[in-house]
Amino acid sequence: MGRTGEWFGYQHYDIEPDMIAIGKGIGNGYPVSVAVINRTTIAELERKPFKYSQSHQNDPLGASVVQETIEIIESNDLIAEAKRKGLQFYSQLESLVDKEIILAVRGRGLMFAMDLANENIANEIYSKLIERGMIVGNRGTAFRIDPPLIITENEFTEFVKTFKTILSIKKTA
């Protein structure tokens, strides 16, 4: 929710989806999901209805959590902040690119990916980051870095500083 600097990732492109499935982010940790459906699709569902049920359908607590999450995102302007911080943090991550161990950085808003030279090095760096309390997604030679919308500039700078320390140790080893 808002991580890319827009409410939804599709808003960066010239498309209008018929339906959006929203999961984890809308509940801020509470297990809830939401289906957002456009008017044309709603009209079709009204014309040809189907029955569906599940254990948390029409859950008032879940609805309250979703409403509060949206209100907090809006009242704190977290989506605009994700866009602003993302530009700043991206440049910090780019400073790690050495074309030897860190090959490239990609990102939009507060959603980043970092390409590493090989899987063994990626796994070593991942383990060192975990030991220092830093969590990134690790898949093969790529790291996903998805900080929370409320991350501070100092927290992200500390992450980059820790990453640089691990890289310097790796290069001297």
N, C-alpha and C. Protein backbone atom coordinates (compact mmCIF):
# COMPACT_ATOMS: atom_id res chain seq x y z
N MET A 1 0.83 -1.18 0.00
CA MET A 1 0.00 0.00 0.00
C MET A 1 0.88 1.24 0.00
N GLY A 2 0.98 1.86 -1.12
CA GLY A 2 1.70 3.12 -1.20
C GLY A 2 3.20 3.02 -1.30
N ARG A 3 3.73 1.80 -1.23
CA ARG A 3 5.18 1.62 -1.18
C ARG A 3 5.90 2.18 -2.39
N THR A 4 5.24 2.17 -3.56
CA THR A 4 5.91 2.65 -4.78
C THR A 4 5.81 4.16 -4.96
N GLY A 5 5.15 4.84 -4.03
CA GLY A 5 4.95 6.28 -4.16
C GLY A 5 3.60 6.61 -4.78
N GLU A 6 2.81 5.60 -5.04
CA GLU A 6 1.41 5.72 -5.46
C GLU A 6 0.63 4.73 -4.61
N TRP A 7 -0.68 4.89 -4.55
CA TRP A 7 -1.47 3.93 -3.78
C TRP A 7 -1.24 2.51 -4.28
N PHE A 8 -1.22 2.35 -5.62
CA PHE A 8 -1.08 1.04 -6.23
C PHE A 8 -0.04 1.11 -7.34
N GLY A 9 0.70 0.04 -7.54
CA GLY A 9 1.74 0.01 -8.55
C GLY A 9 1.24 0.28 -9.96
N TYR A 10 0.03 -0.15 -10.27
CA TYR A 10 -0.47 0.04 -11.63
C TYR A 10 -0.58 1.53 -11.98
N GLN A 11 -0.66 2.41 -10.98
CA GLN A 11 -0.83 3.84 -11.25
C GLN A 11 0.40 4.47 -11.89
N HIS A 12 1.48 3.74 -11.99
CA HIS A 12 2.68 4.24 -12.68
C HIS A 12 2.58 4.01 -14.19
N TYR A 13 1.53 3.33 -14.62
CA TYR A 13 1.38 2.96 -16.02
C TYR A 13 0.02 3.41 -16.53
N ASP A 14 -0.15 3.42 -17.81
CA ASP A 14 -1.40 3.85 -18.42
C ASP A 14 -2.35 2.66 -18.55
N ILE A 15 -2.79 2.14 -17.40
CA ILE A 15 -3.75 1.03 -17.40
C ILE A 15 -4.82 1.28 -16.35
N GLU A 16 -5.96 0.69 -16.56
CA GLU A 16 -7.07 0.75 -15.61
C GLU A 16 -7.53 -0.69 -15.37
N PRO A 17 -7.20 -1.27 -14.24
CA PRO A 17 -7.58 -2.66 -14.00
C PRO A 17 -9.08 -2.81 -13.74
N ASP A 18 -9.60 -3.99 -14.03
CA ASP A 18 -10.98 -4.31 -13.71
C ASP A 18 -11.13 -4.61 -12.22
N MET A 19 -10.07 -5.19 -11.65
CA MET A 19 -10.11 -5.59 -10.26
C MET A 19 -8.69 -5.50 -9.67
N ILE A 20 -8.64 -5.14 -8.39
CA ILE A 20 -7.37 -5.11 -7.67
C ILE A 20 -7.53 -5.97 -6.42
N ALA A 21 -6.62 -6.89 -6.21
CA ALA A 21 -6.60 -7.68 -4.99
C ALA A 21 -5.57 -7.05 -4.05
N ILE A 22 -6.00 -6.71 -2.86
CA ILE A 22 -5.14 -6.04 -1.89
C ILE A 22 -5.01 -6.95 -0.68
N GLY A 23 -3.79 -7.15 -0.24
CA GLY A 23 -3.55 -8.07 0.87
C GLY A 23 -2.91 -7.41 2.07
N LYS A 24 -1.77 -7.93 2.47
CA LYS A 24 -1.11 -7.61 3.73
C LYS A 24 -1.05 -6.14 4.10
N GLY A 25 -0.67 -5.31 3.17
CA GLY A 25 -0.45 -3.89 3.49
C GLY A 25 -1.69 -3.17 3.99
N ILE A 26 -2.84 -3.57 3.52
CA ILE A 26 -4.07 -2.87 3.91
C ILE A 26 -4.46 -3.18 5.35
N GLY A 27 -3.94 -4.27 5.89
CA GLY A 27 -4.27 -4.63 7.27
C GLY A 27 -3.17 -4.31 8.26
N ASN A 28 -2.03 -3.82 7.76
CA ASN A 28 -0.92 -3.45 8.63
C ASN A 28 -0.62 -4.54 9.66
N GLY A 29 -0.63 -5.79 9.20
CA GLY A 29 -0.33 -6.91 10.09
C GLY A 29 -1.55 -7.73 10.47
N TYR A 30 -2.72 -7.14 10.40
CA TYR A 30 -3.95 -7.89 10.67
C TYR A 30 -4.32 -8.66 9.40
N PRO A 31 -4.68 -9.94 9.53
CA PRO A 31 -4.96 -10.74 8.33
C PRO A 31 -6.28 -10.36 7.67
N VAL A 32 -6.17 -9.56 6.64
CA VAL A 32 -7.36 -9.09 5.92
C VAL A 32 -6.98 -8.92 4.46
N SER A 33 -7.96 -9.03 3.60
CA SER A 33 -7.73 -8.73 2.18
C SER A 33 -8.95 -7.99 1.66
N VAL A 34 -8.74 -7.30 0.55
CA VAL A 34 -9.79 -6.48 -0.03
C VAL A 34 -9.77 -6.69 -1.55
N ALA A 35 -10.94 -6.75 -2.14
CA ALA A 35 -11.06 -6.76 -3.59
C ALA A 35 -11.70 -5.45 -4.00
N VAL A 36 -11.01 -4.68 -4.83
CA VAL A 36 -11.54 -3.43 -5.36
C VAL A 36 -11.93 -3.71 -6.80
N ILE A 37 -13.18 -3.41 -7.13
CA ILE A 37 -13.73 -3.78 -8.44
C ILE A 37 -14.31 -2.54 -9.11
N ASN A 38 -14.03 -2.39 -10.41
CA ASN A 38 -14.55 -1.21 -11.12
C ASN A 38 -16.05 -1.33 -11.38
N ARG A 39 -16.67 -0.24 -11.76
CA ARG A 39 -18.13 -0.19 -11.93
C ARG A 39 -18.64 -1.15 -13.01
N THR A 40 -17.90 -1.29 -14.10
CA THR A 40 -18.32 -2.18 -15.17
C THR A 40 -18.38 -3.63 -14.68
N THR A 41 -17.36 -4.02 -13.96
CA THR A 41 -17.32 -5.39 -13.44
C THR A 41 -18.39 -5.59 -12.37
N ILE A 42 -18.61 -4.58 -11.53
CA ILE A 42 -19.68 -4.66 -10.52
C ILE A 42 -21.03 -4.85 -11.21
N ALA A 43 -21.28 -4.09 -12.27
CA ALA A 43 -22.55 -4.22 -13.00
C ALA A 43 -22.71 -5.64 -13.55
N GLU A 44 -21.63 -6.20 -14.05
CA GLU A 44 -21.69 -7.58 -14.57
C GLU A 44 -21.96 -8.57 -13.44
N LEU A 45 -21.35 -8.35 -12.29
CA LEU A 45 -21.59 -9.24 -11.15
C LEU A 45 -23.02 -9.11 -10.62
N GLU A 46 -23.59 -7.92 -10.74
CA GLU A 46 -24.99 -7.74 -10.33
C GLU A 46 -25.93 -8.43 -11.32
N ARG A 47 -25.53 -8.43 -12.58
CA ARG A 47 -26.33 -9.09 -13.61
C ARG A 47 -26.25 -10.61 -13.48
N LYS A 48 -25.07 -11.11 -13.17
CA LYS A 48 -24.84 -12.56 -13.03
C LYS A 48 -24.19 -12.83 -11.68
N PRO A 49 -24.95 -12.75 -10.61
CA PRO A 49 -24.35 -12.92 -9.28
C PRO A 49 -23.88 -14.35 -9.02
N PHE A 50 -22.95 -14.48 -8.11
CA PHE A 50 -22.51 -15.79 -7.66
C PHE A 50 -22.39 -15.74 -6.14
N LYS A 51 -22.49 -16.88 -5.52
CA LYS A 51 -22.40 -16.95 -4.06
C LYS A 51 -20.98 -17.32 -3.68
N TYR A 52 -20.49 -16.64 -2.65
CA TYR A 52 -19.13 -16.86 -2.19
C TYR A 52 -19.12 -16.63 -0.69
N SER A 53 -18.36 -17.43 0.02
CA SER A 53 -18.21 -17.18 1.46
C SER A 53 -16.86 -17.67 1.91
N GLN A 54 -16.41 -17.10 2.98
CA GLN A 54 -15.16 -17.53 3.62
C GLN A 54 -15.22 -17.13 5.08
N SER A 55 -14.28 -17.60 5.86
CA SER A 55 -14.39 -17.48 7.31
C SER A 55 -14.36 -16.05 7.84
N HIS A 56 -13.69 -15.14 7.15
CA HIS A 56 -13.60 -13.76 7.66
C HIS A 56 -14.44 -12.78 6.83
N GLN A 57 -15.38 -13.29 6.07
CA GLN A 57 -16.21 -12.43 5.24
C GLN A 57 -17.03 -11.50 6.13
N ASN A 58 -17.10 -10.25 5.73
CA ASN A 58 -17.88 -9.24 6.47
C ASN A 58 -17.42 -9.11 7.92
N ASP A 59 -16.13 -9.17 8.13
CA ASP A 59 -15.52 -9.09 9.46
C ASP A 59 -15.45 -7.63 9.91
N PRO A 60 -16.23 -7.22 10.91
CA PRO A 60 -16.23 -5.81 11.32
C PRO A 60 -14.87 -5.36 11.86
N LEU A 61 -14.15 -6.24 12.55
CA LEU A 61 -12.83 -5.86 13.06
C LEU A 61 -11.88 -5.62 11.88
N GLY A 62 -11.90 -6.52 10.91
CA GLY A 62 -11.05 -6.34 9.73
C GLY A 62 -11.38 -5.06 8.99
N ALA A 63 -12.67 -4.75 8.86
CA ALA A 63 -13.08 -3.51 8.19
C ALA A 63 -12.57 -2.29 8.96
N SER A 64 -12.62 -2.35 10.28
CA SER A 64 -12.12 -1.24 11.10
C SER A 64 -10.62 -1.07 10.95
N VAL A 65 -9.91 -2.19 10.90
CA VAL A 65 -8.45 -2.13 10.73
C VAL A 65 -8.11 -1.51 9.38
N VAL A 66 -8.80 -1.93 8.33
CA VAL A 66 -8.56 -1.38 6.99
C VAL A 66 -8.83 0.13 6.99
N GLN A 67 -9.94 0.53 7.56
CA GLN A 67 -10.29 1.96 7.59
C GLN A 67 -9.23 2.76 8.34
N GLU A 68 -8.78 2.25 9.47
CA GLU A 68 -7.76 2.96 10.25
C GLU A 68 -6.43 3.03 9.51
N THR A 69 -6.06 1.94 8.85
CA THR A 69 -4.82 1.93 8.08
C THR A 69 -4.86 3.00 6.99
N ILE A 70 -5.96 3.06 6.27
CA ILE A 70 -6.10 4.07 5.21
C ILE A 70 -6.05 5.48 5.79
N GLU A 71 -6.73 5.69 6.91
CA GLU A 71 -6.73 7.03 7.54
C GLU A 71 -5.33 7.43 7.99
N ILE A 72 -4.57 6.50 8.53
CA ILE A 72 -3.20 6.81 8.98
C ILE A 72 -2.31 7.13 7.78
N ILE A 73 -2.42 6.34 6.72
CA ILE A 73 -1.63 6.61 5.51
C ILE A 73 -1.96 8.00 4.97
N GLU A 74 -3.24 8.32 4.90
CA GLU A 74 -3.65 9.63 4.37
C GLU A 74 -3.27 10.77 5.29
N SER A 75 -3.56 10.65 6.58
CA SER A 75 -3.32 11.78 7.49
C SER A 75 -1.84 12.07 7.69
N ASN A 76 -0.98 11.08 7.49
CA ASN A 76 0.46 11.29 7.61
C ASN A 76 1.14 11.47 6.26
N ASP A 77 0.35 11.54 5.19
CA ASP A 77 0.86 11.73 3.83
C ASP A 77 1.99 10.74 3.51
N LEU A 78 1.79 9.48 3.92
CA LEU A 78 2.85 8.48 3.80
C LEU A 78 3.17 8.11 2.36
N ILE A 79 2.22 8.25 1.45
CA ILE A 79 2.51 7.90 0.06
C ILE A 79 3.43 8.94 -0.57
N ALA A 80 3.15 10.21 -0.34
CA ALA A 80 4.05 11.26 -0.83
C ALA A 80 5.42 11.14 -0.17
N GLU A 81 5.42 10.77 1.10
CA GLU A 81 6.69 10.57 1.82
C GLU A 81 7.47 9.39 1.24
N ALA A 82 6.77 8.34 0.85
CA ALA A 82 7.44 7.19 0.22
C ALA A 82 8.13 7.61 -1.06
N LYS A 83 7.47 8.45 -1.83
CA LYS A 83 8.05 8.94 -3.08
C LYS A 83 9.28 9.80 -2.78
N ARG A 84 9.14 10.72 -1.83
CA ARG A 84 10.24 11.62 -1.48
C ARG A 84 11.43 10.85 -0.89
N LYS A 85 11.16 10.02 0.10
CA LYS A 85 12.23 9.25 0.73
C LYS A 85 12.86 8.28 -0.26
N GLY A 86 12.02 7.72 -1.13
CA GLY A 86 12.53 6.76 -2.11
C GLY A 86 13.61 7.35 -2.99
N LEU A 87 13.43 8.58 -3.42
CA LEU A 87 14.45 9.23 -4.25
C LEU A 87 15.75 9.39 -3.48
N GLN A 88 15.64 9.80 -2.24
CA GLN A 88 16.82 9.99 -1.40
C GLN A 88 17.51 8.66 -1.10
N PHE A 89 16.72 7.66 -0.73
CA PHE A 89 17.29 6.36 -0.36
C PHE A 89 17.89 5.66 -1.58
N TYR A 90 17.27 5.85 -2.74
CA TYR A 90 17.79 5.24 -3.96
C TYR A 90 19.22 5.72 -4.22
N SER A 91 19.45 7.00 -4.05
CA SER A 91 20.81 7.51 -4.29
C SER A 91 21.79 6.93 -3.28
N GLN A 92 21.34 6.70 -2.05
CA GLN A 92 22.22 6.07 -1.06
C GLN A 92 22.54 4.64 -1.47
N LEU A 93 21.54 3.91 -1.95
CA LEU A 93 21.78 2.53 -2.39
C LEU A 93 22.68 2.50 -3.62
N GLU A 94 22.51 3.46 -4.53
CA GLU A 94 23.37 3.52 -5.71
C GLU A 94 24.83 3.71 -5.34
N SER A 95 25.08 4.35 -4.19
CA SER A 95 26.47 4.55 -3.76
C SER A 95 27.15 3.22 -3.43
N LEU A 96 26.37 2.16 -3.26
CA LEU A 96 26.93 0.84 -2.97
C LEU A 96 27.35 0.09 -4.23
N VAL A 97 26.87 0.52 -5.39
CA VAL A 97 27.18 -0.17 -6.64
C VAL A 97 28.66 -0.01 -6.95
N ASP A 98 29.34 -1.15 -7.04
CA ASP A 98 30.78 -1.15 -7.34
C ASP A 98 31.10 -1.96 -8.59
N LYS A 99 30.09 -2.57 -9.20
CA LYS A 99 30.22 -3.42 -10.39
C LYS A 99 31.07 -4.66 -10.14
N GLU A 100 31.48 -4.86 -8.90
CA GLU A 100 32.25 -6.05 -8.53
C GLU A 100 31.37 -6.99 -7.70
N ILE A 101 30.80 -6.46 -6.63
CA ILE A 101 29.90 -7.24 -5.77
C ILE A 101 28.46 -6.79 -6.00
N ILE A 102 28.24 -5.49 -5.95
CA ILE A 102 26.90 -4.93 -6.21
C ILE A 102 26.87 -4.44 -7.64
N LEU A 103 26.04 -5.08 -8.46
CA LEU A 103 26.02 -4.78 -9.89
C LEU A 103 25.07 -3.65 -10.25
N ALA A 104 23.92 -3.60 -9.59
CA ALA A 104 22.92 -2.59 -9.95
C ALA A 104 21.88 -2.46 -8.85
N VAL A 105 21.21 -1.32 -8.86
CA VAL A 105 20.09 -1.05 -7.94
C VAL A 105 18.92 -0.58 -8.79
N ARG A 106 17.74 -1.07 -8.47
CA ARG A 106 16.51 -0.61 -9.12
C ARG A 106 15.54 -0.21 -8.02
N GLY A 107 14.65 0.71 -8.33
CA GLY A 107 13.69 1.07 -7.30
C GLY A 107 12.65 2.06 -7.74
N ARG A 108 11.60 2.09 -6.96
CA ARG A 108 10.51 3.05 -7.15
C ARG A 108 9.88 3.25 -5.78
N GLY A 109 9.82 4.52 -5.36
CA GLY A 109 9.31 4.77 -4.01
C GLY A 109 10.18 4.06 -2.99
N LEU A 110 9.55 3.34 -2.07
CA LEU A 110 10.29 2.59 -1.05
C LEU A 110 10.33 1.10 -1.38
N MET A 111 10.45 0.77 -2.65
CA MET A 111 10.58 -0.62 -3.08
C MET A 111 11.83 -0.70 -3.95
N PHE A 112 12.82 -1.43 -3.45
CA PHE A 112 14.11 -1.49 -4.12
C PHE A 112 14.53 -2.93 -4.39
N ALA A 113 15.37 -3.10 -5.40
CA ALA A 113 16.02 -4.38 -5.66
C ALA A 113 17.49 -4.09 -5.92
N MET A 114 18.32 -4.99 -5.44
CA MET A 114 19.75 -4.85 -5.60
C MET A 114 20.27 -6.15 -6.22
N ASP A 115 21.01 -6.04 -7.32
CA ASP A 115 21.56 -7.20 -8.01
C ASP A 115 23.01 -7.40 -7.57
N LEU A 116 23.30 -8.61 -7.10
CA LEU A 116 24.64 -8.95 -6.63
C LEU A 116 25.34 -9.86 -7.62
N ALA A 117 26.66 -9.94 -7.52
CA ALA A 117 27.48 -10.64 -8.50
C ALA A 117 27.21 -12.14 -8.54
N ASN A 118 27.04 -12.77 -7.38
CA ASN A 118 26.75 -14.20 -7.39
C ASN A 118 26.00 -14.61 -6.13
N GLU A 119 25.41 -15.78 -6.19
CA GLU A 119 24.54 -16.24 -5.12
C GLU A 119 25.28 -16.48 -3.80
N ASN A 120 26.49 -17.00 -3.87
CA ASN A 120 27.25 -17.25 -2.63
C ASN A 120 27.54 -15.94 -1.89
N ILE A 121 27.96 -14.94 -2.63
CA ILE A 121 28.22 -13.63 -2.01
C ILE A 121 26.92 -13.06 -1.46
N ALA A 122 25.84 -13.19 -2.22
CA ALA A 122 24.54 -12.68 -1.76
C ALA A 122 24.14 -13.36 -0.45
N ASN A 123 24.31 -14.66 -0.37
CA ASN A 123 23.95 -15.39 0.85
C ASN A 123 24.82 -14.97 2.04
N GLU A 124 26.10 -14.74 1.80
CA GLU A 124 27.00 -14.28 2.88
C GLU A 124 26.57 -12.90 3.39
N ILE A 125 26.34 -11.99 2.47
CA ILE A 125 25.93 -10.63 2.86
C ILE A 125 24.59 -10.68 3.57
N TYR A 126 23.66 -11.48 3.06
CA TYR A 126 22.35 -11.64 3.68
C TYR A 126 22.50 -12.09 5.14
N SER A 127 23.33 -13.10 5.37
CA SER A 127 23.54 -13.61 6.73
C SER A 127 24.13 -12.54 7.64
N LYS A 128 25.07 -11.78 7.13
CA LYS A 128 25.68 -10.70 7.93
C LYS A 128 24.66 -9.60 8.25
N LEU A 129 23.81 -9.29 7.30
CA LEU A 129 22.77 -8.29 7.55
C LEU A 129 21.81 -8.79 8.63
N ILE A 130 21.41 -10.04 8.55
CA ILE A 130 20.51 -10.62 9.56
C ILE A 130 21.16 -10.58 10.94
N GLU A 131 22.44 -10.94 11.02
CA GLU A 131 23.17 -10.89 12.30
C GLU A 131 23.13 -9.50 12.91
N ARG A 132 23.09 -8.49 12.07
CA ARG A 132 23.08 -7.10 12.53
C ARG A 132 21.65 -6.52 12.64
N GLY A 133 20.65 -7.39 12.50
CA GLY A 133 19.27 -6.96 12.67
C GLY A 133 18.65 -6.29 11.47
N MET A 134 19.25 -6.45 10.29
CA MET A 134 18.74 -5.84 9.07
C MET A 134 18.09 -6.92 8.22
N ILE A 135 16.84 -6.71 7.84
CA ILE A 135 16.10 -7.72 7.08
C ILE A 135 15.92 -7.25 5.64
N VAL A 136 16.35 -8.10 4.71
CA VAL A 136 16.10 -7.88 3.28
C VAL A 136 15.56 -9.19 2.72
N GLY A 137 14.89 -9.12 1.61
CA GLY A 137 14.48 -10.34 0.92
C GLY A 137 15.65 -10.83 0.09
N ASN A 138 15.89 -12.14 0.12
CA ASN A 138 17.04 -12.69 -0.59
C ASN A 138 16.55 -13.81 -1.50
N ARG A 139 16.74 -13.62 -2.79
CA ARG A 139 16.40 -14.66 -3.75
C ARG A 139 17.51 -14.73 -4.78
N GLY A 140 18.31 -15.76 -4.68
CA GLY A 140 19.40 -15.93 -5.64
C GLY A 140 20.40 -14.79 -5.53
N THR A 141 20.55 -14.06 -6.62
CA THR A 141 21.52 -12.96 -6.64
C THR A 141 20.86 -11.60 -6.46
N ALA A 142 19.62 -11.60 -5.98
CA ALA A 142 18.90 -10.33 -5.81
C ALA A 142 18.41 -10.16 -4.39
N PHE A 143 18.51 -8.94 -3.92
CA PHE A 143 17.93 -8.56 -2.62
C PHE A 143 16.73 -7.66 -2.89
N ARG A 144 15.67 -7.88 -2.14
CA ARG A 144 14.55 -6.93 -2.10
C ARG A 144 14.68 -6.13 -0.83
N ILE A 145 14.60 -4.84 -0.96
CA ILE A 145 14.68 -3.95 0.19
C ILE A 145 13.38 -3.16 0.22
N ASP A 146 12.53 -3.49 1.17
CA ASP A 146 11.20 -2.90 1.27
C ASP A 146 10.99 -2.32 2.66
N PRO A 147 11.59 -1.17 2.94
CA PRO A 147 11.42 -0.59 4.28
C PRO A 147 9.97 -0.17 4.52
N PRO A 148 9.57 -0.08 5.77
CA PRO A 148 8.21 0.36 6.07
C PRO A 148 8.00 1.82 5.66
N LEU A 149 6.75 2.18 5.42
CA LEU A 149 6.43 3.55 5.02
C LEU A 149 6.88 4.58 6.05
N ILE A 150 7.00 4.17 7.29
CA ILE A 150 7.35 5.10 8.37
C ILE A 150 8.85 5.13 8.68
N ILE A 151 9.67 4.48 7.84
CA ILE A 151 11.11 4.49 8.10
C ILE A 151 11.63 5.93 8.13
N THR A 152 12.58 6.15 9.03
CA THR A 152 13.18 7.49 9.10
C THR A 152 14.44 7.54 8.24
N GLU A 153 14.85 8.74 7.93
CA GLU A 153 16.07 8.91 7.15
C GLU A 153 17.27 8.36 7.91
N ASN A 154 17.31 8.55 9.22
CA ASN A 154 18.42 8.03 10.03
C ASN A 154 18.46 6.50 10.00
N GLU A 155 17.29 5.87 10.06
CA GLU A 155 17.24 4.40 10.02
C GLU A 155 17.76 3.87 8.70
N PHE A 156 17.37 4.51 7.60
CA PHE A 156 17.83 4.03 6.30
C PHE A 156 19.33 4.30 6.13
N THR A 157 19.79 5.44 6.58
CA THR A 157 21.22 5.76 6.51
C THR A 157 22.02 4.73 7.30
N GLU A 158 21.49 4.31 8.44
CA GLU A 158 22.15 3.28 9.26
C GLU A 158 22.21 1.95 8.51
N PHE A 159 21.14 1.61 7.79
CA PHE A 159 21.12 0.39 6.98
C PHE A 159 22.24 0.45 5.94
N VAL A 160 22.33 1.56 5.21
CA VAL A 160 23.34 1.69 4.16
C VAL A 160 24.74 1.65 4.76
N LYS A 161 24.91 2.30 5.91
CA LYS A 161 26.21 2.29 6.60
C LYS A 161 26.59 0.85 6.98
N THR A 162 25.64 0.10 7.51
CA THR A 162 25.89 -1.30 7.88
C THR A 162 26.24 -2.11 6.64
N PHE A 163 25.51 -1.89 5.57
CA PHE A 163 25.77 -2.60 4.32
C PHE A 163 27.19 -2.30 3.83
N LYS A 164 27.59 -1.02 3.88
CA LYS A 164 28.94 -0.64 3.45
C LYS A 164 30.01 -1.33 4.30
N THR A 165 29.76 -1.42 5.60
CA THR A 165 30.71 -2.10 6.49
C THR A 165 30.86 -3.56 6.09
N ILE A 166 29.75 -4.23 5.83
CA ILE A 166 29.79 -5.63 5.42
C ILE A 166 30.53 -5.77 4.10
N LEU A 167 30.30 -4.87 3.16
CA LEU A 167 30.98 -4.92 1.88
C LEU A 167 32.48 -4.72 2.04
N SER A 168 32.88 -3.79 2.90
CA SER A 168 34.31 -3.55 3.08
C SER A 168 34.99 -4.77 3.71
N ILE A 169 34.31 -5.45 4.62
CA ILE A 169 34.86 -6.67 5.21
C ILE A 169 34.96 -7.76 4.14
N LYS A 170 33.94 -7.87 3.32
CA LYS A 170 33.91 -8.87 2.26
C LYS A 170 35.04 -8.63 1.26
N LYS A 171 35.29 -7.37 0.93
CA LYS A 171 36.33 -7.05 -0.07
C LYS A 171 37.73 -7.31 0.45
N THR A 172 37.92 -7.18 1.77
CA THR A 172 39.26 -7.41 2.33
C THR A 172 39.48 -8.87 2.68
N ALA A 173 38.40 -9.67 2.67
CA ALA A 173 38.53 -11.10 3.03
C ALA A 173 39.12 -11.92 1.92
